[in-house]
Amino acid sequence: MSDEIEAKRVRWHSRRGMLELDVLLVPFAEEAFTGLSADDQARYRQLLECEDPDLFTWFMEHQVPDNADLARIIELVREHARNR
């Protein structure tokens, strides 16, 4: 799959329909995803497979995911949002 097609697919899947998630995930997908390492891109794709209630809980800092890879990518998304 070409990088451009993959980036479009990731942007599409970043739209969750929940404002609190969309304001974090969509800009991250549009502005930062292609600049990530292959490992972090894989982490982000893994994150997109999670359920919205879990994502909301993690991004609002009510809980931390047990998976260290997910915790890393969540922090990268938060950092991107803070620095925009």
PDB file of N, CA and C in Angstrom:
ATOM      1  N   MET A   1       0.854  -1.182   0.000  1.00  0.00           N
ATOM      2  CA  MET A   1       0.000   0.000   0.000  1.00  0.00           C
ATOM      3  C   MET A   1       0.897   1.242   0.000  1.00  0.00           C
ATOM      4  N   SER A   2       0.578   2.192  -0.858  1.00  0.00           N
ATOM      5  CA  SER A   2       1.409   3.392  -0.935  1.00  0.00           C
ATOM      6  C   SER A   2       1.264   4.226   0.328  1.00  0.00           C
ATOM      7  N   ASP A   3       2.295   5.016   0.594  1.00  0.00           N
ATOM      8  CA  ASP A   3       2.280   5.871   1.787  1.00  0.00           C
ATOM      9  C   ASP A   3       1.123   6.858   1.750  1.00  0.00           C
ATOM     10  N   GLU A   4       0.824   7.383   0.565  1.00  0.00           N
ATOM     11  CA  GLU A   4      -0.267   8.365   0.441  1.00  0.00           C
ATOM     12  C   GLU A   4      -1.617   7.725   0.758  1.00  0.00           C
ATOM     13  N   ILE A   5      -1.840   6.531   0.230  1.00  0.00           N
ATOM     14  CA  ILE A   5      -3.103   5.836   0.498  1.00  0.00           C
ATOM     15  C   ILE A   5      -3.210   5.500   1.981  1.00  0.00           C
ATOM     16  N   GLU A   6      -2.109   5.043   2.565  1.00  0.00           N
ATOM     17  CA  GLU A   6      -2.103   4.714   4.000  1.00  0.00           C
ATOM     18  C   GLU A   6      -2.395   5.953   4.840  1.00  0.00           C
ATOM     19  N   ALA A   7      -1.803   7.086   4.491  1.00  0.00           N
ATOM     20  CA  ALA A   7      -2.040   8.329   5.236  1.00  0.00           C
ATOM     21  C   ALA A   7      -3.512   8.737   5.138  1.00  0.00           C
ATOM     22  N   LYS A   8      -4.121   8.590   3.967  1.00  0.00           N
ATOM     23  CA  LYS A   8      -5.544   8.923   3.810  1.00  0.00           C
ATOM     24  C   LYS A   8      -6.416   7.988   4.636  1.00  0.00           C
ATOM     25  N   ARG A   9      -6.064   6.706   4.650  1.00  0.00           N
ATOM     26  CA  ARG A   9      -6.822   5.732   5.435  1.00  0.00           C
ATOM     27  C   ARG A   9      -6.734   6.065   6.922  1.00  0.00           C
ATOM     28  N   VAL A  10      -5.552   6.423   7.377  1.00  0.00           N
ATOM     29  CA  VAL A  10      -5.363   6.780   8.790  1.00  0.00           C
ATOM     30  C   VAL A  10      -6.157   8.035   9.130  1.00  0.00           C
ATOM     31  N   ARG A  11      -6.135   9.032   8.252  1.00  0.00           N
ATOM     32  CA  ARG A  11      -6.921  10.251   8.495  1.00  0.00           C
ATOM     33  C   ARG A  11      -8.405   9.922   8.597  1.00  0.00           C
ATOM     34  N   TRP A  12      -8.895   9.065   7.701  1.00  0.00           N
ATOM     35  CA  TRP A  12     -10.304   8.692   7.715  1.00  0.00           C
ATOM     36  C   TRP A  12     -10.658   7.994   9.030  1.00  0.00           C
ATOM     37  N   HIS A  13      -9.839   7.063   9.462  1.00  0.00           N
ATOM     38  CA  HIS A  13     -10.123   6.308  10.687  1.00  0.00           C
ATOM     39  C   HIS A  13      -9.911   7.140  11.953  1.00  0.00           C
ATOM     40  N   SER A  14      -9.253   8.276  11.816  1.00  0.00           N
ATOM     41  CA  SER A  14      -9.055   9.166  12.965  1.00  0.00           C
ATOM     42  C   SER A  14     -10.323   9.945  13.291  1.00  0.00           C
ATOM     43  N   ARG A  15     -11.236  10.023  12.341  1.00  0.00           N
ATOM     44  CA  ARG A  15     -12.526  10.685  12.585  1.00  0.00           C
ATOM     45  C   ARG A  15     -13.400   9.733  13.373  1.00  0.00           C
ATOM     46  N   ARG A  16     -13.687  10.096  14.603  1.00  0.00           N
ATOM     47  CA  ARG A  16     -14.400   9.187  15.483  1.00  0.00           C
ATOM     48  C   ARG A  16     -15.853   9.592  15.708  1.00  0.00           C
ATOM     49  N   GLY A  17     -16.188  10.847  15.431  1.00  0.00           N
ATOM     50  CA  GLY A  17     -17.548  11.303  15.667  1.00  0.00           C
ATOM     51  C   GLY A  17     -17.786  11.779  17.088  1.00  0.00           C
ATOM     52  N   MET A  18     -16.737  11.811  17.869  1.00  0.00           N
ATOM     53  CA  MET A  18     -16.807  12.345  19.230  1.00  0.00           C
ATOM     54  C   MET A  18     -15.863  13.548  19.258  1.00  0.00           C
ATOM     55  N   LEU A  19     -16.410  14.727  19.471  1.00  0.00           N
ATOM     56  CA  LEU A  19     -15.641  15.961  19.354  1.00  0.00           C
ATOM     57  C   LEU A  19     -14.330  15.907  20.135  1.00  0.00           C
ATOM     58  N   GLU A  20     -14.388  15.418  21.367  1.00  0.00           N
ATOM     59  CA  GLU A  20     -13.193  15.393  22.215  1.00  0.00           C
ATOM     60  C   GLU A  20     -12.070  14.566  21.585  1.00  0.00           C
ATOM     61  N   LEU A  21     -12.429  13.521  20.874  1.00  0.00           N
ATOM     62  CA  LEU A  21     -11.419  12.696  20.204  1.00  0.00           C
ATOM     63  C   LEU A  21     -11.019  13.293  18.866  1.00  0.00           C
ATOM     64  N   ASP A  22     -11.997  13.801  18.123  1.00  0.00           N
ATOM     65  CA  ASP A  22     -11.704  14.354  16.805  1.00  0.00           C
ATOM     66  C   ASP A  22     -10.725  15.525  16.866  1.00  0.00           C
ATOM     67  N   VAL A  23     -10.839  16.378  17.875  1.00  0.00           N
ATOM     68  CA  VAL A  23      -9.948  17.542  17.959  1.00  0.00           C
ATOM     69  C   VAL A  23      -8.512  17.132  18.279  1.00  0.00           C
ATOM     70  N   LEU A  24      -8.327  15.930  18.789  1.00  0.00           N
ATOM     71  CA  LEU A  24      -6.984  15.413  19.051  1.00  0.00           C
ATOM     72  C   LEU A  24      -6.465  14.574  17.884  1.00  0.00           C
ATOM     73  N   LEU A  25      -7.288  13.643  17.426  1.00  0.00           N
ATOM     74  CA  LEU A  25      -6.822  12.642  16.474  1.00  0.00           C
ATOM     75  C   LEU A  25      -6.717  13.150  15.037  1.00  0.00           C
ATOM     76  N   VAL A  26      -7.691  13.916  14.586  1.00  0.00           N
ATOM     77  CA  VAL A  26      -7.670  14.355  13.180  1.00  0.00           C
ATOM     78  C   VAL A  26      -6.465  15.257  12.892  1.00  0.00           C
ATOM     79  N   PRO A  27      -6.203  16.291  13.687  1.00  0.00           N
ATOM     80  CA  PRO A  27      -5.008  17.102  13.408  1.00  0.00           C
ATOM     81  C   PRO A  27      -3.711  16.287  13.504  1.00  0.00           C
ATOM     82  N   PHE A  28      -3.663  15.357  14.456  1.00  0.00           N
ATOM     83  CA  PHE A  28      -2.472  14.521  14.587  1.00  0.00           C
ATOM     84  C   PHE A  28      -2.271  13.696  13.319  1.00  0.00           C
ATOM     85  N   ALA A  29      -3.337  13.090  12.834  1.00  0.00           N
ATOM     86  CA  ALA A  29      -3.241  12.280  11.617  1.00  0.00           C
ATOM     87  C   ALA A  29      -2.839  13.130  10.422  1.00  0.00           C
ATOM     88  N   GLU A  30      -3.386  14.337  10.324  1.00  0.00           N
ATOM     89  CA  GLU A  30      -3.112  15.201   9.180  1.00  0.00           C
ATOM     90  C   GLU A  30      -1.726  15.834   9.240  1.00  0.00           C
ATOM     91  N   GLU A  31      -1.265  16.158  10.437  1.00  0.00           N
ATOM     92  CA  GLU A  31      -0.044  16.953  10.564  1.00  0.00           C
ATOM     93  C   GLU A  31       1.178  16.166  11.032  1.00  0.00           C
ATOM     94  N   ALA A  32       0.994  15.071  11.741  1.00  0.00           N
ATOM     95  CA  ALA A  32       2.138  14.410  12.361  1.00  0.00           C
ATOM     96  C   ALA A  32       2.355  12.962  11.931  1.00  0.00           C
ATOM     97  N   PHE A  33       1.314  12.271  11.487  1.00  0.00           N
ATOM     98  CA  PHE A  33       1.424  10.834  11.234  1.00  0.00           C
ATOM     99  C   PHE A  33       2.551  10.479  10.277  1.00  0.00           C
ATOM    100  N   THR A  34       2.651  11.176   9.142  1.00  0.00           N
ATOM    101  CA  THR A  34       3.653  10.809   8.139  1.00  0.00           C
ATOM    102  C   THR A  34       5.072  11.037   8.629  1.00  0.00           C
ATOM    103  N   GLY A  35       5.250  11.889   9.636  1.00  0.00           N
ATOM    104  CA  GLY A  35       6.586  12.149  10.173  1.00  0.00           C
ATOM    105  C   GLY A  35       7.003  11.203  11.288  1.00  0.00           C
ATOM    106  N   LEU A  36       6.113  10.298  11.672  1.00  0.00           N
ATOM    107  CA  LEU A  36       6.431   9.350  12.735  1.00  0.00           C
ATOM    108  C   LEU A  36       7.331   8.241  12.230  1.00  0.00           C
ATOM    109  N   SER A  37       8.044   7.620  13.162  1.00  0.00           N
ATOM    110  CA  SER A  37       8.807   6.415  12.816  1.00  0.00           C
ATOM    111  C   SER A  37       7.815   5.315  12.439  1.00  0.00           C
ATOM    112  N   ALA A  38       8.302   4.288  11.776  1.00  0.00           N
ATOM    113  CA  ALA A  38       7.441   3.166  11.398  1.00  0.00           C
ATOM    114  C   ALA A  38       6.814   2.532  12.643  1.00  0.00           C
ATOM    115  N   ASP A  39       7.579   2.438  13.718  1.00  0.00           N
ATOM    116  CA  ASP A  39       7.045   1.859  14.957  1.00  0.00           C
ATOM    117  C   ASP A  39       5.918   2.707  15.526  1.00  0.00           C
ATOM    118  N   ASP A  40       6.105   4.035  15.534  1.00  0.00           N
ATOM    119  CA  ASP A  40       5.054   4.904  16.062  1.00  0.00           C
ATOM    120  C   ASP A  40       3.838   4.934  15.136  1.00  0.00           C
ATOM    121  N   GLN A  41       4.050   4.817  13.834  1.00  0.00           N
ATOM    122  CA  GLN A  41       2.905   4.716  12.927  1.00  0.00           C
ATOM    123  C   GLN A  41       2.110   3.453  13.235  1.00  0.00           C
ATOM    124  N   ALA A  42       2.805   2.363  13.502  1.00  0.00           N
ATOM    125  CA  ALA A  42       2.121   1.112  13.855  1.00  0.00           C
ATOM    126  C   ALA A  42       1.372   1.275  15.173  1.00  0.00           C
ATOM    127  N   ARG A  43       1.957   1.989  16.121  1.00  0.00           N
ATOM    128  CA  ARG A  43       1.283   2.244  17.403  1.00  0.00           C
ATOM    129  C   ARG A  43       0.017   3.055  17.180  1.00  0.00           C
ATOM    130  N   TYR A  44       0.092   4.049  16.312  1.00  0.00           N
ATOM    131  CA  TYR A  44      -1.086   4.876  16.053  1.00  0.00           C
ATOM    132  C   TYR A  44      -2.189   4.051  15.391  1.00  0.00           C
ATOM    133  N   ARG A  45      -1.821   3.202  14.437  1.00  0.00           N
ATOM    134  CA  ARG A  45      -2.829   2.334  13.820  1.00  0.00           C
ATOM    135  C   ARG A  45      -3.442   1.407  14.865  1.00  0.00           C
ATOM    136  N   GLN A  46      -2.628   0.914  15.783  1.00  0.00           N
ATOM    137  CA  GLN A  46      -3.135   0.068  16.871  1.00  0.00           C
ATOM    138  C   GLN A  46      -4.109   0.866  17.744  1.00  0.00           C
ATOM    139  N   LEU A  47      -3.767   2.118  18.018  1.00  0.00           N
ATOM    140  CA  LEU A  47      -4.630   2.985  18.813  1.00  0.00           C
ATOM    141  C   LEU A  47      -5.993   3.149  18.149  1.00  0.00           C
ATOM    142  N   LEU A  48      -6.009   3.310  16.830  1.00  0.00           N
ATOM    143  CA  LEU A  48      -7.262   3.506  16.105  1.00  0.00           C
ATOM    144  C   LEU A  48      -8.177   2.293  16.168  1.00  0.00           C
ATOM    145  N   GLU A  49      -7.647   1.143  16.509  1.00  0.00           N
ATOM    146  CA  GLU A  49      -8.459  -0.062  16.637  1.00  0.00           C
ATOM    147  C   GLU A  49      -9.174  -0.138  17.986  1.00  0.00           C
ATOM    148  N   CYS A  50      -8.823   0.739  18.908  1.00  0.00           N
ATOM    149  CA  CYS A  50      -9.429   0.731  20.243  1.00  0.00           C
ATOM    150  C   CYS A  50     -10.822   1.349  20.199  1.00  0.00           C
ATOM    151  N   GLU A  51     -11.598   1.019  21.197  1.00  0.00           N
ATOM    152  CA  GLU A  51     -12.966   1.536  21.310  1.00  0.00           C
ATOM    153  C   GLU A  51     -12.948   2.995  21.783  1.00  0.00           C
ATOM    154  N   ASP A  52     -13.916   3.774  21.298  1.00  0.00           N
ATOM    155  CA  ASP A  52     -13.992   5.195  21.653  1.00  0.00           C
ATOM    156  C   ASP A  52     -14.052   5.450  23.161  1.00  0.00           C
ATOM    157  N   PRO A  53     -14.840   4.702  23.930  1.00  0.00           N
ATOM    158  CA  PRO A  53     -14.864   4.968  25.377  1.00  0.00           C
ATOM    159  C   PRO A  53     -13.484   4.800  26.034  1.00  0.00           C
ATOM    160  N   ASP A  54     -12.710   3.831  25.556  1.00  0.00           N
ATOM    161  CA  ASP A  54     -11.352   3.653  26.080  1.00  0.00           C
ATOM    162  C   ASP A  54     -10.474   4.838  25.688  1.00  0.00           C
ATOM    163  N   LEU A  55     -10.556   5.230  24.428  1.00  0.00           N
ATOM    164  CA  LEU A  55      -9.762   6.380  23.972  1.00  0.00           C
ATOM    165  C   LEU A  55     -10.105   7.621  24.779  1.00  0.00           C
ATOM    166  N   PHE A  56     -11.375   7.867  24.972  1.00  0.00           N
ATOM    167  CA  PHE A  56     -11.809   9.041  25.740  1.00  0.00           C
ATOM    168  C   PHE A  56     -11.220   9.002  27.150  1.00  0.00           C
ATOM    169  N   THR A  57     -11.312   7.851  27.797  1.00  0.00           N
ATOM    170  CA  THR A  57     -10.795   7.706  29.165  1.00  0.00           C
ATOM    171  C   THR A  57      -9.300   7.969  29.214  1.00  0.00           C
ATOM    172  N   TRP A  58      -8.574   7.465  28.230  1.00  0.00           N
ATOM    173  CA  TRP A  58      -7.123   7.652  28.215  1.00  0.00           C
ATOM    174  C   TRP A  58      -6.738   9.097  27.889  1.00  0.00           C
ATOM    175  N   PHE A  59      -7.373   9.677  26.879  1.00  0.00           N
ATOM    176  CA  PHE A  59      -7.001  11.038  26.493  1.00  0.00           C
ATOM    177  C   PHE A  59      -7.409  12.075  27.526  1.00  0.00           C
ATOM    178  N   MET A  60      -8.462  11.810  28.267  1.00  0.00           N
ATOM    179  CA  MET A  60      -8.884  12.740  29.316  1.00  0.00           C
ATOM    180  C   MET A  60      -8.150  12.469  30.630  1.00  0.00           C
ATOM    181  N   GLU A  61      -7.197  11.547  30.575  1.00  0.00           N
ATOM    182  CA  GLU A  61      -6.317  11.216  31.695  1.00  0.00           C
ATOM    183  C   GLU A  61      -7.057  10.671  32.910  1.00  0.00           C
ATOM    184  N   HIS A  62      -8.166   9.977  32.669  1.00  0.00           N
ATOM    185  CA  HIS A  62      -8.872   9.306  33.757  1.00  0.00           C
ATOM    186  C   HIS A  62      -8.195   7.981  34.083  1.00  0.00           C
ATOM    187  N   GLN A  63      -7.588   7.369  33.070  1.00  0.00           N
ATOM    188  CA  GLN A  63      -6.845   6.121  33.222  1.00  0.00           C
ATOM    189  C   GLN A  63      -5.684   6.124  32.247  1.00  0.00           C
ATOM    190  N   VAL A  64      -4.743   5.217  32.482  1.00  0.00           N
ATOM    191  CA  VAL A  64      -3.610   5.009  31.585  1.00  0.00           C
ATOM    192  C   VAL A  64      -3.745   3.597  31.024  1.00  0.00           C
ATOM    193  N   PRO A  65      -3.544   3.421  29.723  1.00  0.00           N
ATOM    194  CA  PRO A  65      -3.652   2.062  29.183  1.00  0.00           C
ATOM    195  C   PRO A  65      -2.568   1.156  29.765  1.00  0.00           C
ATOM    196  N   ASP A  66      -2.886  -0.111  29.904  1.00  0.00           N
ATOM    197  CA  ASP A  66      -1.911  -1.081  30.398  1.00  0.00           C
ATOM    198  C   ASP A  66      -0.793  -1.306  29.394  1.00  0.00           C
ATOM    199  N   ASN A  67      -1.093  -1.122  28.123  1.00  0.00           N
ATOM    200  CA  ASN A  67      -0.141  -1.344  27.043  1.00  0.00           C
ATOM    201  C   ASN A  67       0.790  -0.132  26.916  1.00  0.00           C
ATOM    202  N   ALA A  68       2.085  -0.363  27.085  1.00  0.00           N
ATOM    203  CA  ALA A  68       3.064   0.732  27.030  1.00  0.00           C
ATOM    204  C   ALA A  68       3.118   1.389  25.661  1.00  0.00           C
ATOM    205  N   ASP A  69       2.901   0.613  24.592  1.00  0.00           N
ATOM    206  CA  ASP A  69       2.903   1.195  23.244  1.00  0.00           C
ATOM    207  C   ASP A  69       1.755   2.182  23.080  1.00  0.00           C
ATOM    208  N   LEU A  70       0.582   1.822  23.586  1.00  0.00           N
ATOM    209  CA  LEU A  70      -0.556   2.736  23.514  1.00  0.00           C
ATOM    210  C   LEU A  70      -0.316   3.972  24.371  1.00  0.00           C
ATOM    211  N   ALA A  71       0.255   3.787  25.549  1.00  0.00           N
ATOM    212  CA  ALA A  71       0.554   4.930  26.413  1.00  0.00           C
ATOM    213  C   ALA A  71       1.510   5.894  25.711  1.00  0.00           C
ATOM    214  N   ARG A  72       2.497   5.356  24.984  1.00  0.00           N
ATOM    215  CA  ARG A  72       3.461   6.207  24.264  1.00  0.00           C
ATOM    216  C   ARG A  72       2.760   7.031  23.182  1.00  0.00           C
ATOM    217  N   ILE A  73       1.940   6.385  22.366  1.00  0.00           N
ATOM    218  CA  ILE A  73       1.322   7.116  21.256  1.00  0.00           C
ATOM    219  C   ILE A  73       0.289   8.106  21.780  1.00  0.00           C
ATOM    220  N   ILE A  74      -0.387   7.788  22.866  1.00  0.00           N
ATOM    221  CA  ILE A  74      -1.327   8.743  23.463  1.00  0.00           C
ATOM    222  C   ILE A  74      -0.582   9.993  23.911  1.00  0.00           C
ATOM    223  N   GLU A  75       0.580   9.804  24.503  1.00  0.00           N
ATOM    224  CA  GLU A  75       1.369  10.964  24.938  1.00  0.00           C
ATOM    225  C   GLU A  75       1.841  11.773  23.735  1.00  0.00           C
ATOM    226  N   LEU A  76       2.211  11.115  22.641  1.00  0.00           N
ATOM    227  CA  LEU A  76       2.616  11.847  21.435  1.00  0.00           C
ATOM    228  C   LEU A  76       1.457  12.662  20.871  1.00  0.00           C
ATOM    229  N   VAL A  77       0.265  12.103  20.876  1.00  0.00           N
ATOM    230  CA  VAL A  77      -0.914  12.834  20.380  1.00  0.00           C
ATOM    231  C   VAL A  77      -1.193  14.031  21.290  1.00  0.00           C
ATOM    232  N   ARG A  78      -1.141  13.827  22.599  1.00  0.00           N
ATOM    233  CA  ARG A  78      -1.363  14.940  23.543  1.00  0.00           C
ATOM    234  C   ARG A  78      -0.325  16.034  23.352  1.00  0.00           C
ATOM    235  N   GLU A  79       0.933  15.636  23.204  1.00  0.00           N
ATOM    236  CA  GLU A  79       2.002  16.607  23.005  1.00  0.00           C
ATOM    237  C   GLU A  79       1.795  17.410  21.728  1.00  0.00           C
ATOM    238  N   HIS A  80       1.379  16.741  20.672  1.00  0.00           N
ATOM    239  CA  HIS A  80       1.088  17.439  19.410  1.00  0.00           C
ATOM    240  C   HIS A  80      -0.018  18.468  19.619  1.00  0.00           C
ATOM    241  N   ALA A  81      -1.065  18.086  20.328  1.00  0.00           N
ATOM    242  CA  ALA A  81      -2.187  18.997  20.585  1.00  0.00           C
ATOM    243  C   ALA A  81      -1.739  20.207  21.412  1.00  0.00           C
ATOM    244  N   ARG A  82      -0.891  19.978  22.392  1.00  0.00           N
ATOM    245  CA  ARG A  82      -0.396  21.096  23.236  1.00  0.00           C
ATOM    246  C   ARG A  82       0.462  22.063  22.438  1.00  0.00           C
ATOM    247  N   ASN A  83       1.183  21.566  21.453  1.00  0.00           N
ATOM    248  CA  ASN A  83       2.135  22.399  20.710  1.00  0.00           C
ATOM    249  C   ASN A  83       1.566  23.008  19.438  1.00  0.00           C
ATOM    250  N   ARG A  84       0.289  22.828  19.188  1.00  0.00           N
ATOM    251  CA  ARG A  84      -0.307  23.366  17.971  1.00  0.00           C
ATOM    252  C   ARG A  84      -0.531  24.853  18.073  1.00  0.00           C
TER     253      ARG A  84
END
